[in-house]
Amino acid sequence: MAALLLALGWYAVLCAARPFAPCRKCAGTGRLEHFGKVRTCPRCRGRKLRLRLGRRAHNAWQRERENGTQ
């Protein structure tokens, strides 16, 4: 149980410190090769980064909290 709490705490700190991670589909290059043609990665749209899942959840929670307290 302690290891799980430690891992969740570490992920929360990681999401706060570095909210973006390299795109998993293009491995952070922003481009994909498909049938010999190079094209922009559709997942990250060529930006090479993606928002982490934990940060996305935190942003949604913050947005919902702000909308509820107005």
N, C-alpha and C. Protein backbone atom coordinates (compact mmCIF):
# COMPACT_ATOMS: atom_id res chain seq x y z
N MET A 1 0.82 -1.19 0.00
CA MET A 1 0.00 0.00 0.00
C MET A 1 0.87 1.26 0.00
N ALA A 2 1.95 1.19 0.77
CA ALA A 2 2.85 2.34 0.84
C ALA A 2 3.53 2.59 -0.51
N ALA A 3 3.86 1.52 -1.20
CA ALA A 3 4.51 1.66 -2.50
C ALA A 3 3.55 2.30 -3.51
N LEU A 4 2.27 1.93 -3.43
CA LEU A 4 1.28 2.52 -4.33
C LEU A 4 1.11 4.02 -4.06
N LEU A 5 1.04 4.38 -2.79
CA LEU A 5 0.92 5.80 -2.43
C LEU A 5 2.16 6.58 -2.85
N LEU A 6 3.32 5.97 -2.70
CA LEU A 6 4.56 6.62 -3.12
C LEU A 6 4.58 6.82 -4.64
N ALA A 7 4.14 5.82 -5.39
CA ALA A 7 4.11 5.92 -6.85
C ALA A 7 3.11 7.00 -7.30
N LEU A 8 1.94 7.04 -6.67
CA LEU A 8 0.95 8.07 -7.01
C LEU A 8 1.46 9.47 -6.67
N GLY A 9 2.14 9.59 -5.55
CA GLY A 9 2.72 10.87 -5.17
C GLY A 9 3.79 11.32 -6.15
N TRP A 10 4.62 10.38 -6.58
CA TRP A 10 5.67 10.69 -7.55
C TRP A 10 5.05 11.14 -8.88
N TYR A 11 4.00 10.46 -9.31
CA TYR A 11 3.35 10.82 -10.57
C TYR A 11 2.70 12.20 -10.47
N ALA A 12 2.13 12.53 -9.31
CA ALA A 12 1.53 13.84 -9.11
C ALA A 12 2.59 14.93 -9.19
N VAL A 13 3.74 14.70 -8.59
CA VAL A 13 4.84 15.67 -8.66
C VAL A 13 5.34 15.79 -10.10
N LEU A 14 5.46 14.68 -10.78
CA LEU A 14 5.90 14.68 -12.17
C LEU A 14 4.93 15.46 -13.06
N CYS A 15 3.62 15.27 -12.86
CA CYS A 15 2.62 15.99 -13.64
C CYS A 15 2.66 17.49 -13.36
N ALA A 16 2.98 17.87 -12.15
CA ALA A 16 3.06 19.29 -11.81
C ALA A 16 4.33 19.91 -12.37
N ALA A 17 5.43 19.19 -12.30
CA ALA A 17 6.71 19.74 -12.76
C ALA A 17 6.87 19.70 -14.28
N ARG A 18 6.46 18.61 -14.89
CA ARG A 18 6.59 18.44 -16.34
C ARG A 18 5.27 17.93 -16.89
N PRO A 19 4.31 18.84 -17.17
CA PRO A 19 2.99 18.40 -17.61
C PRO A 19 2.97 17.77 -19.00
N PHE A 20 3.98 17.99 -19.79
CA PHE A 20 4.02 17.43 -21.14
C PHE A 20 5.05 16.31 -21.23
N ALA A 21 4.72 15.28 -22.00
CA ALA A 21 5.60 14.14 -22.22
C ALA A 21 5.74 13.93 -23.73
N PRO A 22 6.80 13.25 -24.17
CA PRO A 22 6.92 12.96 -25.61
C PRO A 22 5.74 12.14 -26.10
N CYS A 23 5.32 12.42 -27.31
CA CYS A 23 4.21 11.68 -27.92
C CYS A 23 4.61 10.22 -28.07
N ARG A 24 3.69 9.33 -27.71
CA ARG A 24 3.99 7.90 -27.78
C ARG A 24 3.89 7.36 -29.21
N LYS A 25 3.05 7.97 -30.02
CA LYS A 25 2.85 7.46 -31.38
C LYS A 25 4.07 7.73 -32.27
N CYS A 26 4.62 8.95 -32.18
CA CYS A 26 5.75 9.31 -33.05
C CYS A 26 7.08 9.33 -32.29
N ALA A 27 7.07 8.94 -31.02
CA ALA A 27 8.27 8.92 -30.17
C ALA A 27 8.90 10.29 -30.05
N GLY A 28 8.10 11.34 -30.10
CA GLY A 28 8.59 12.69 -29.91
C GLY A 28 9.24 13.31 -31.13
N THR A 29 9.02 12.75 -32.31
CA THR A 29 9.62 13.33 -33.51
C THR A 29 8.67 14.26 -34.24
N GLY A 30 7.37 14.07 -34.05
CA GLY A 30 6.38 14.90 -34.72
C GLY A 30 6.01 14.43 -36.11
N ARG A 31 6.67 13.38 -36.57
CA ARG A 31 6.42 12.86 -37.92
C ARG A 31 6.29 11.35 -37.89
N LEU A 32 5.51 10.83 -38.83
CA LEU A 32 5.34 9.39 -38.99
C LEU A 32 5.60 9.02 -40.43
N GLU A 33 6.14 7.84 -40.63
CA GLU A 33 6.33 7.33 -41.98
C GLU A 33 5.31 6.24 -42.20
N HIS A 34 4.48 6.41 -43.22
CA HIS A 34 3.42 5.46 -43.51
C HIS A 34 3.46 5.13 -44.99
N PHE A 35 3.75 3.89 -45.32
CA PHE A 35 3.89 3.45 -46.71
C PHE A 35 4.91 4.28 -47.47
N GLY A 36 6.01 4.63 -46.81
CA GLY A 36 7.09 5.36 -47.46
C GLY A 36 6.90 6.86 -47.50
N LYS A 37 5.76 7.36 -47.04
CA LYS A 37 5.51 8.80 -47.04
C LYS A 37 5.63 9.32 -45.61
N VAL A 38 6.30 10.44 -45.47
CA VAL A 38 6.43 11.08 -44.17
C VAL A 38 5.29 12.07 -44.03
N ARG A 39 4.59 12.00 -42.88
CA ARG A 39 3.49 12.92 -42.64
C ARG A 39 3.52 13.36 -41.18
N THR A 40 2.76 14.38 -40.88
CA THR A 40 2.68 14.90 -39.52
C THR A 40 1.92 13.92 -38.64
N CYS A 41 2.38 13.76 -37.41
CA CYS A 41 1.74 12.85 -36.47
C CYS A 41 0.34 13.37 -36.13
N PRO A 42 -0.71 12.54 -36.31
CA PRO A 42 -2.07 13.00 -36.03
C PRO A 42 -2.37 13.15 -34.54
N ARG A 43 -1.65 12.43 -33.69
CA ARG A 43 -1.93 12.49 -32.25
C ARG A 43 -1.43 13.80 -31.65
N CYS A 44 -0.19 14.18 -31.95
CA CYS A 44 0.37 15.40 -31.37
C CYS A 44 0.35 16.57 -32.35
N ARG A 45 -0.11 16.34 -33.57
CA ARG A 45 -0.19 17.34 -34.63
C ARG A 45 1.17 18.01 -34.90
N GLY A 46 2.22 17.22 -34.77
CA GLY A 46 3.56 17.71 -35.08
C GLY A 46 4.21 18.51 -33.96
N ARG A 47 3.56 18.63 -32.81
CA ARG A 47 4.12 19.40 -31.70
C ARG A 47 5.10 18.60 -30.87
N LYS A 48 5.18 17.31 -31.08
CA LYS A 48 6.12 16.38 -30.46
C LYS A 48 5.82 16.07 -29.00
N LEU A 49 4.87 16.76 -28.40
CA LEU A 49 4.55 16.54 -27.00
C LEU A 49 3.06 16.28 -26.82
N ARG A 50 2.72 15.63 -25.72
CA ARG A 50 1.32 15.40 -25.37
C ARG A 50 1.15 15.72 -23.90
N LEU A 51 -0.06 16.08 -23.51
CA LEU A 51 -0.36 16.36 -22.13
C LEU A 51 -0.53 15.04 -21.37
N ARG A 52 0.13 14.93 -20.23
CA ARG A 52 0.04 13.69 -19.45
C ARG A 52 -1.39 13.46 -18.97
N LEU A 53 -1.75 12.22 -18.78
CA LEU A 53 -3.10 11.85 -18.36
C LEU A 53 -3.44 12.47 -17.00
N GLY A 54 -2.51 12.42 -16.06
CA GLY A 54 -2.76 12.99 -14.74
C GLY A 54 -2.96 14.50 -14.80
N ARG A 55 -2.22 15.18 -15.65
CA ARG A 55 -2.38 16.62 -15.79
C ARG A 55 -3.70 16.96 -16.46
N ARG A 56 -4.11 16.13 -17.43
CA ARG A 56 -5.39 16.33 -18.09
C ARG A 56 -6.53 16.19 -17.08
N ALA A 57 -6.43 15.20 -16.20
CA ALA A 57 -7.45 15.00 -15.17
C ALA A 57 -7.44 16.16 -14.18
N HIS A 58 -6.26 16.64 -13.81
CA HIS A 58 -6.16 17.78 -12.90
C HIS A 58 -6.78 19.03 -13.52
N ASN A 59 -6.50 19.28 -14.79
CA ASN A 59 -7.07 20.45 -15.47
C ASN A 59 -8.59 20.37 -15.54
N ALA A 60 -9.13 19.18 -15.80
CA ALA A 60 -10.58 19.01 -15.86
C ALA A 60 -11.19 19.25 -14.48
N TRP A 61 -10.54 18.75 -13.44
CA TRP A 61 -11.02 18.95 -12.07
C TRP A 61 -11.00 20.44 -11.71
N GLN A 62 -9.93 21.14 -12.06
CA GLN A 62 -9.83 22.57 -11.78
C GLN A 62 -10.90 23.34 -12.53
N ARG A 63 -11.11 23.01 -13.79
CA ARG A 63 -12.13 23.69 -14.61
C ARG A 63 -13.52 23.48 -14.01
N GLU A 64 -13.82 22.26 -13.58
CA GLU A 64 -15.11 21.96 -12.97
C GLU A 64 -15.27 22.70 -11.65
N ARG A 65 -14.23 22.78 -10.89
CA ARG A 65 -14.26 23.48 -9.60
C ARG A 65 -14.49 24.97 -9.80
N GLU A 66 -13.80 25.55 -10.78
CA GLU A 66 -13.98 26.98 -11.06
C GLU A 66 -15.40 27.28 -11.54
N ASN A 67 -15.95 26.43 -12.40
CA ASN A 67 -17.30 26.62 -12.89
C ASN A 67 -18.34 26.47 -11.77
N GLY A 68 -18.06 25.62 -10.80
CA GLY A 68 -19.00 25.39 -9.72
C GLY A 68 -18.99 26.48 -8.67
N THR A 69 -17.88 27.19 -8.53
CA THR A 69 -17.77 28.21 -7.48
C THR A 69 -18.09 29.61 -7.97
N GLN A 70 -18.39 29.76 -9.23
CA GLN A 70 -18.67 31.11 -9.75
C GLN A 70 -20.07 31.55 -9.45
